[in-house]
Amino acid sequence: NYADSVKGRFTISRDNAKNLVYLQMNSL
């Protein structure tokens, strides 16, 4: 789920094996 202001620019992902979550932010 994304805020309207970041849709198409940000991507959230997770790696459960490594206990990590990421936020890729483009076109800042």
PDB file of all heavy atoms in Angstrom:
ATOM      1  N   ASN A   1       0.869  -1.178   0.000  1.00  0.00           N
ATOM      2  CA  ASN A   1       0.000   0.000   0.000  1.00  0.00           C
ATOM      3  C   ASN A   1       0.905   1.226   0.000  1.00  0.00           C
ATOM      4  O   ASN A   1       1.931   1.238   0.693  1.00  0.00           O
ATOM      5  CB  ASN A   1      -0.888  -0.009   1.245  1.00  0.00           C
ATOM      6  CG  ASN A   1      -1.805   1.191   1.305  1.00  0.00           C
ATOM      7  OD1 ASN A   1      -2.533   1.469   0.371  1.00  0.00           O
ATOM      8  ND2 ASN A   1      -1.774   1.915   2.415  1.00  0.00           N
ATOM      9  N   TYR A   2       0.510   2.245  -0.782  1.00  0.00           N
ATOM     10  CA  TYR A   2       1.335   3.447  -0.904  1.00  0.00           C
ATOM     11  C   TYR A   2       0.508   4.710  -0.725  1.00  0.00           C
ATOM     12  O   TYR A   2      -0.657   4.765  -1.117  1.00  0.00           O
ATOM     13  CB  TYR A   2       2.000   3.505  -2.288  1.00  0.00           C
ATOM     14  CG  TYR A   2       2.972   2.395  -2.558  1.00  0.00           C
ATOM     15  CD1 TYR A   2       2.568   1.223  -3.185  1.00  0.00           C
ATOM     16  CD2 TYR A   2       4.309   2.508  -2.168  1.00  0.00           C
ATOM     17  CE1 TYR A   2       3.466   0.189  -3.427  1.00  0.00           C
ATOM     18  CE2 TYR A   2       5.213   1.482  -2.409  1.00  0.00           C
ATOM     19  CZ  TYR A   2       4.772   0.329  -3.034  1.00  0.00           C
ATOM     20  OH  TYR A   2       5.670  -0.688  -3.270  1.00  0.00           O
ATOM     21  N   ALA A   3       1.143   5.717  -0.177  1.00  0.00           N
ATOM     22  CA  ALA A   3       0.538   7.037  -0.172  1.00  0.00           C
ATOM     23  C   ALA A   3       0.458   7.531  -1.617  1.00  0.00           C
ATOM     24  O   ALA A   3       1.333   7.236  -2.439  1.00  0.00           O
ATOM     25  CB  ALA A   3       1.375   7.995   0.668  1.00  0.00           C
ATOM     26  N   ASP A   4      -0.580   8.296  -1.910  1.00  0.00           N
ATOM     27  CA  ASP A   4      -0.765   8.794  -3.271  1.00  0.00           C
ATOM     28  C   ASP A   4       0.445   9.603  -3.735  1.00  0.00           C
ATOM     29  O   ASP A   4       0.808   9.571  -4.915  1.00  0.00           O
ATOM     30  CB  ASP A   4      -2.024   9.657  -3.354  1.00  0.00           C
ATOM     31  CG  ASP A   4      -3.300   8.836  -3.280  1.00  0.00           C
ATOM     32  OD1 ASP A   4      -3.233   7.605  -3.495  1.00  0.00           O
ATOM     33  OD2 ASP A   4      -4.361   9.423  -3.015  1.00  0.00           O
ATOM     34  N   SER A   5       1.071  10.297  -2.816  1.00  0.00           N
ATOM     35  CA  SER A   5       2.169  11.189  -3.167  1.00  0.00           C
ATOM     36  C   SER A   5       3.426  10.451  -3.622  1.00  0.00           C
ATOM     37  O   SER A   5       4.313  11.062  -4.223  1.00  0.00           O
ATOM     38  CB  SER A   5       2.517  12.088  -1.982  1.00  0.00           C
ATOM     39  OG  SER A   5       2.888  11.307  -0.859  1.00  0.00           O
ATOM     40  N   VAL A   6       3.510   9.152  -3.350  1.00  0.00           N
ATOM     41  CA  VAL A   6       4.720   8.405  -3.716  1.00  0.00           C
ATOM     42  C   VAL A   6       4.451   7.283  -4.702  1.00  0.00           C
ATOM     43  O   VAL A   6       5.392   6.613  -5.158  1.00  0.00           O
ATOM     44  CB  VAL A   6       5.426   7.832  -2.468  1.00  0.00           C
ATOM     45  CG1 VAL A   6       5.688   8.935  -1.451  1.00  0.00           C
ATOM     46  CG2 VAL A   6       4.636   6.683  -1.852  1.00  0.00           C
ATOM     47  N   LYS A   7       3.201   7.070  -5.055  1.00  0.00           N
ATOM     48  CA  LYS A   7       2.875   5.995  -6.000  1.00  0.00           C
ATOM     49  C   LYS A   7       3.618   6.184  -7.315  1.00  0.00           C
ATOM     50  O   LYS A   7       3.656   7.285  -7.865  1.00  0.00           O
ATOM     51  CB  LYS A   7       1.364   5.956  -6.250  1.00  0.00           C
ATOM     52  CG  LYS A   7       0.571   5.305  -5.145  1.00  0.00           C
ATOM     53  CD  LYS A   7      -0.916   5.284  -5.470  1.00  0.00           C
ATOM     54  CE  LYS A   7      -1.708   4.643  -4.338  1.00  0.00           C
ATOM     55  NZ  LYS A   7      -3.177   4.690  -4.582  1.00  0.00           N
ATOM     56  N   GLY A   8       4.192   5.099  -7.791  1.00  0.00           N
ATOM     57  CA  GLY A   8       4.945   5.147  -9.038  1.00  0.00           C
ATOM     58  C   GLY A   8       6.382   5.575  -8.871  1.00  0.00           C
ATOM     59  O   GLY A   8       7.178   5.469  -9.815  1.00  0.00           O
ATOM     60  N   ARG A   9       6.749   6.060  -7.686  1.00  0.00           N
ATOM     61  CA  ARG A   9       8.131   6.508  -7.444  1.00  0.00           C
ATOM     62  C   ARG A   9       8.827   5.654  -6.391  1.00  0.00           C
ATOM     63  O   ARG A   9      10.027   5.433  -6.470  1.00  0.00           O
ATOM     64  CB  ARG A   9       8.147   7.970  -6.989  1.00  0.00           C
ATOM     65  CG  ARG A   9       7.555   8.933  -7.989  1.00  0.00           C
ATOM     66  CD  ARG A   9       7.788  10.387  -7.562  1.00  0.00           C
ATOM     67  NE  ARG A   9       7.151  10.723  -6.296  1.00  0.00           N
ATOM     68  CZ  ARG A   9       7.795  11.193  -5.231  1.00  0.00           C
ATOM     69  NH1 ARG A   9       9.094  11.399  -5.269  1.00  0.00           N
ATOM     70  NH2 ARG A   9       7.133  11.490  -4.117  1.00  0.00           N
ATOM     71  N   PHE A  10       8.078   5.212  -5.396  1.00  0.00           N
ATOM     72  CA  PHE A  10       8.651   4.433  -4.288  1.00  0.00           C
ATOM     73  C   PHE A  10       8.187   2.985  -4.371  1.00  0.00           C
ATOM     74  O   PHE A  10       7.065   2.707  -4.806  1.00  0.00           O
ATOM     75  CB  PHE A  10       8.203   4.999  -2.942  1.00  0.00           C
ATOM     76  CG  PHE A  10       8.764   6.348  -2.583  1.00  0.00           C
ATOM     77  CD1 PHE A  10       9.466   7.125  -3.493  1.00  0.00           C
ATOM     78  CD2 PHE A  10       8.588   6.847  -1.288  1.00  0.00           C
ATOM     79  CE1 PHE A  10       9.979   8.362  -3.154  1.00  0.00           C
ATOM     80  CE2 PHE A  10       9.097   8.076  -0.927  1.00  0.00           C
ATOM     81  CZ  PHE A  10       9.775   8.841  -1.861  1.00  0.00           C
ATOM     82  N   THR A  11       9.045   2.079  -3.917  1.00  0.00           N
ATOM     83  CA  THR A  11       8.703   0.666  -3.867  1.00  0.00           C
ATOM     84  C   THR A  11       9.150   0.086  -2.532  1.00  0.00           C
ATOM     85  O   THR A  11      10.314   0.216  -2.151  1.00  0.00           O
ATOM     86  CB  THR A  11       9.381  -0.110  -5.001  1.00  0.00           C
ATOM     87  OG1 THR A  11       8.999   0.443  -6.265  1.00  0.00           O
ATOM     88  CG2 THR A  11       8.965  -1.578  -4.964  1.00  0.00           C
ATOM     89  N   ILE A  12       8.219  -0.552  -1.837  1.00  0.00           N
ATOM     90  CA  ILE A  12       8.543  -1.223  -0.580  1.00  0.00           C
ATOM     91  C   ILE A  12       8.684  -2.717  -0.860  1.00  0.00           C
ATOM     92  O   ILE A  12       7.953  -3.287  -1.679  1.00  0.00           O
ATOM     93  CB  ILE A  12       7.464  -0.962   0.491  1.00  0.00           C
ATOM     94  CG1 ILE A  12       7.916  -1.495   1.855  1.00  0.00           C
ATOM     95  CG2 ILE A  12       6.118  -1.539   0.090  1.00  0.00           C
ATOM     96  CD1 ILE A  12       7.007  -1.068   3.009  1.00  0.00           C
ATOM     97  N   SER A  13       9.648  -3.341  -0.190  1.00  0.00           N
ATOM     98  CA  SER A  13       9.848  -4.773  -0.327  1.00  0.00           C
ATOM     99  C   SER A  13      10.393  -5.329   0.980  1.00  0.00           C
ATOM    100  O   SER A  13      10.839  -4.570   1.843  1.00  0.00           O
ATOM    101  CB  SER A  13      10.795  -5.087  -1.479  1.00  0.00           C
ATOM    102  OG  SER A  13      12.064  -4.511  -1.266  1.00  0.00           O
ATOM    103  N   ARG A  14      10.347  -6.643   1.115  1.00  0.00           N
ATOM    104  CA  ARG A  14      10.848  -7.261   2.330  1.00  0.00           C
ATOM    105  C   ARG A  14      11.565  -8.560   1.998  1.00  0.00           C
ATOM    106  O   ARG A  14      11.242  -9.223   1.009  1.00  0.00           O
ATOM    107  CB  ARG A  14       9.703  -7.512   3.319  1.00  0.00           C
ATOM    108  CG  ARG A  14       8.667  -8.522   2.868  1.00  0.00           C
ATOM    109  CD  ARG A  14       7.448  -8.523   3.805  1.00  0.00           C
ATOM    110  NE  ARG A  14       7.783  -8.903   5.156  1.00  0.00           N
ATOM    111  CZ  ARG A  14       6.987  -8.666   6.214  1.00  0.00           C
ATOM    112  NH1 ARG A  14       5.820  -8.042   6.042  1.00  0.00           N
ATOM    113  NH2 ARG A  14       7.347  -9.052   7.422  1.00  0.00           N
ATOM    114  N   ASP A  15      12.520  -8.909   2.851  1.00  0.00           N
ATOM    115  CA  ASP A  15      13.255 -10.161   2.756  1.00  0.00           C
ATOM    116  C   ASP A  15      13.104 -10.850   4.097  1.00  0.00           C
ATOM    117  O   ASP A  15      13.817 -10.527   5.050  1.00  0.00           O
ATOM    118  CB  ASP A  15      14.716  -9.892   2.419  1.00  0.00           C
ATOM    119  CG  ASP A  15      15.512 -11.162   2.190  1.00  0.00           C
ATOM    120  OD1 ASP A  15      15.103 -12.231   2.689  1.00  0.00           O
ATOM    121  OD2 ASP A  15      16.564 -11.092   1.536  1.00  0.00           O
ATOM    122  N   ASN A  16      12.166 -11.773   4.174  1.00  0.00           N
ATOM    123  CA  ASN A  16      11.883 -12.409   5.464  1.00  0.00           C
ATOM    124  C   ASN A  16      13.030 -13.298   5.945  1.00  0.00           C
ATOM    125  O   ASN A  16      13.199 -13.495   7.149  1.00  0.00           O
ATOM    126  CB  ASN A  16      10.599 -13.230   5.360  1.00  0.00           C
ATOM    127  CG  ASN A  16       9.359 -12.363   5.265  1.00  0.00           C
ATOM    128  OD1 ASN A  16       9.348 -11.218   5.709  1.00  0.00           O
ATOM    129  ND2 ASN A  16       8.316 -12.904   4.655  1.00  0.00           N
ATOM    130  N   ALA A  17      13.811 -13.814   5.029  1.00  0.00           N
ATOM    131  CA  ALA A  17      14.934 -14.661   5.422  1.00  0.00           C
ATOM    132  C   ALA A  17      16.017 -13.852   6.136  1.00  0.00           C
ATOM    133  O   ALA A  17      16.756 -14.384   6.974  1.00  0.00           O
ATOM    134  CB  ALA A  17      15.520 -15.360   4.204  1.00  0.00           C
ATOM    135  N   LYS A  18      16.098 -12.559   5.800  1.00  0.00           N
ATOM    136  CA  LYS A  18      17.133 -11.702   6.391  1.00  0.00           C
ATOM    137  C   LYS A  18      16.570 -10.687   7.384  1.00  0.00           C
ATOM    138  O   LYS A  18      17.327  -9.867   7.914  1.00  0.00           O
ATOM    139  CB  LYS A  18      17.879 -10.959   5.277  1.00  0.00           C
ATOM    140  CG  LYS A  18      18.637 -11.872   4.326  1.00  0.00           C
ATOM    141  CD  LYS A  18      19.372 -11.070   3.271  1.00  0.00           C
ATOM    142  CE  LYS A  18      20.158 -11.978   2.340  1.00  0.00           C
ATOM    143  NZ  LYS A  18      20.878 -11.204   1.283  1.00  0.00           N
ATOM    144  N   ASN A  19      15.275 -10.738   7.629  1.00  0.00           N
ATOM    145  CA  ASN A  19      14.632  -9.773   8.540  1.00  0.00           C
ATOM    146  C   ASN A  19      14.876  -8.330   8.097  1.00  0.00           C
ATOM    147  O   ASN A  19      15.223  -7.464   8.908  1.00  0.00           O
ATOM    148  CB  ASN A  19      15.122  -9.961   9.981  1.00  0.00           C
ATOM    149  CG  ASN A  19      14.468 -11.144  10.675  1.00  0.00           C
ATOM    150  OD1 ASN A  19      13.907 -12.026  10.014  1.00  0.00           O
ATOM    151  ND2 ASN A  19      14.534 -11.180  11.980  1.00  0.00           N
ATOM    152  N   LEU A  20      14.698  -8.085   6.809  1.00  0.00           N
ATOM    153  CA  LEU A  20      14.928  -6.756   6.272  1.00  0.00           C
ATOM    154  C   LEU A  20      13.705  -6.261   5.504  1.00  0.00           C
ATOM    155  O   LEU A  20      13.004  -7.046   4.850  1.00  0.00           O
ATOM    156  CB  LEU A  20      16.130  -6.756   5.322  1.00  0.00           C
ATOM    157  CG  LEU A  20      17.506  -6.937   5.949  1.00  0.00           C
ATOM    158  CD1 LEU A  20      18.546  -7.217   4.875  1.00  0.00           C
ATOM    159  CD2 LEU A  20      17.897  -5.701   6.747  1.00  0.00           C
ATOM    160  N   VAL A  21      13.493  -4.956   5.564  1.00  0.00           N
ATOM    161  CA  VAL A  21      12.499  -4.311   4.726  1.00  0.00           C
ATOM    162  C   VAL A  21      13.171  -3.110   4.072  1.00  0.00           C
ATOM    163  O   VAL A  21      14.005  -2.451   4.692  1.00  0.00           O
ATOM    164  CB  VAL A  21      11.249  -3.912   5.527  1.00  0.00           C
ATOM    165  CG1 VAL A  21      11.570  -2.919   6.622  1.00  0.00           C
ATOM    166  CG2 VAL A  21      10.166  -3.370   4.613  1.00  0.00           C
ATOM    167  N   TYR A  22      12.827  -2.852   2.820  1.00  0.00           N
ATOM    168  CA  TYR A  22      13.461  -1.810   2.036  1.00  0.00           C
ATOM    169  C   TYR A  22      12.432  -0.804   1.537  1.00  0.00           C
ATOM    170  O   TYR A  22      11.250  -1.119   1.368  1.00  0.00           O
ATOM    171  CB  TYR A  22      14.161  -2.411   0.810  1.00  0.00           C
ATOM    172  CG  TYR A  22      15.177  -3.476   1.130  1.00  0.00           C
ATOM    173  CD1 TYR A  22      14.864  -4.828   0.965  1.00  0.00           C
ATOM    174  CD2 TYR A  22      16.440  -3.140   1.584  1.00  0.00           C
ATOM    175  CE1 TYR A  22      15.796  -5.814   1.239  1.00  0.00           C
ATOM    176  CE2 TYR A  22      17.385  -4.126   1.860  1.00  0.00           C
ATOM    177  CZ  TYR A  22      17.043  -5.459   1.690  1.00  0.00           C
ATOM    178  OH  TYR A  22      17.973  -6.430   1.970  1.00  0.00           O
ATOM    179  N   LEU A  23      12.922   0.391   1.278  1.00  0.00           N
ATOM    180  CA  LEU A  23      12.128   1.392   0.580  1.00  0.00           C
ATOM    181  C   LEU A  23      13.008   1.983  -0.519  1.00  0.00           C
ATOM    182  O   LEU A  23      13.936   2.726  -0.222  1.00  0.00           O
ATOM    183  CB  LEU A  23      11.634   2.488   1.515  1.00  0.00           C
ATOM    184  CG  LEU A  23      10.691   3.507   0.872  1.00  0.00           C
ATOM    185  CD1 LEU A  23       9.355   2.840   0.501  1.00  0.00           C
ATOM    186  CD2 LEU A  23      10.446   4.695   1.796  1.00  0.00           C
ATOM    187  N   GLN A  24      12.716   1.610  -1.749  1.00  0.00           N
ATOM    188  CA  GLN A  24      13.419   2.176  -2.891  1.00  0.00           C
ATOM    189  C   GLN A  24      12.701   3.447  -3.301  1.00  0.00           C
ATOM    190  O   GLN A  24      11.497   3.423  -3.592  1.00  0.00           O
ATOM    191  CB  GLN A  24      13.436   1.181  -4.053  1.00  0.00           C
ATOM    192  CG  GLN A  24      14.103   1.707  -5.307  1.00  0.00           C
ATOM    193  CD  GLN A  24      15.585   1.961  -5.132  1.00  0.00           C
ATOM    194  OE1 GLN A  24      16.299   1.150  -4.540  1.00  0.00           O
ATOM    195  NE2 GLN A  24      16.063   3.087  -5.638  1.00  0.00           N
ATOM    196  N   MET A  25      13.432   4.549  -3.301  1.00  0.00           N
ATOM    197  CA  MET A  25      12.838   5.851  -3.600  1.00  0.00           C
ATOM    198  C   MET A  25      13.495   6.419  -4.845  1.00  0.00           C
ATOM    199  O   MET A  25      14.715   6.655  -4.855  1.00  0.00           O
ATOM    200  CB  MET A  25      13.038   6.799  -2.418  1.00  0.00           C
ATOM    201  CG  MET A  25      12.501   6.247  -1.107  1.00  0.00           C
ATOM    202  SD  MET A  25      12.568   7.433   0.243  1.00  0.00           S
ATOM    203  CE  MET A  25      14.343   7.606   0.438  1.00  0.00           C
ATOM    204  N   ASN A  26      12.713   6.624  -5.875  1.00  0.00           N
ATOM    205  CA  ASN A  26      13.193   7.181  -7.127  1.00  0.00           C
ATOM    206  C   ASN A  26      12.514   8.518  -7.398  1.00  0.00           C
ATOM    207  O   ASN A  26      11.490   8.840  -6.801  1.00  0.00           O
ATOM    208  CB  ASN A  26      12.909   6.217  -8.282  1.00  0.00           C
ATOM    209  CG  ASN A  26      13.597   4.887  -8.119  1.00  0.00           C
ATOM    210  OD1 ASN A  26      14.704   4.799  -7.571  1.00  0.00           O
ATOM    211  ND2 ASN A  26      12.964   3.816  -8.580  1.00  0.00           N
ATOM    212  N   SER A  27      13.087   9.271  -8.320  1.00  0.00           N
ATOM    213  CA  SER A  27      12.520  10.572  -8.706  1.00  0.00           C
ATOM    214  C   SER A  27      12.192  11.418  -7.485  1.00  0.00           C
ATOM    215  O   SER A  27      11.095  11.973  -7.368  1.00  0.00           O
ATOM    216  CB  SER A  27      11.258  10.356  -9.559  1.00  0.00           C
ATOM    217  OG  SER A  27      11.542   9.587 -10.698  1.00  0.00           O
ATOM    218  N   LEU A  28      13.142  11.513  -6.589  1.00  0.00           N
ATOM    219  CA  LEU A  28      12.911  12.222  -5.337  1.00  0.00           C
ATOM    220  C   LEU A  28      12.666  13.698  -5.561  1.00  0.00           C
ATOM    221  O   LEU A  28      13.246  14.318  -6.460  1.00  0.00           O
ATOM    222  CB  LEU A  28      14.087  12.010  -4.396  1.00  0.00           C
ATOM    223  CG  LEU A  28      14.087  10.636  -3.708  1.00  0.00           C
ATOM    224  CD1 LEU A  28      15.473  10.297  -3.181  1.00  0.00           C
ATOM    225  CD2 LEU A  28      13.060  10.607  -2.587  1.00  0.00           C
TER     226      LEU A  28
END
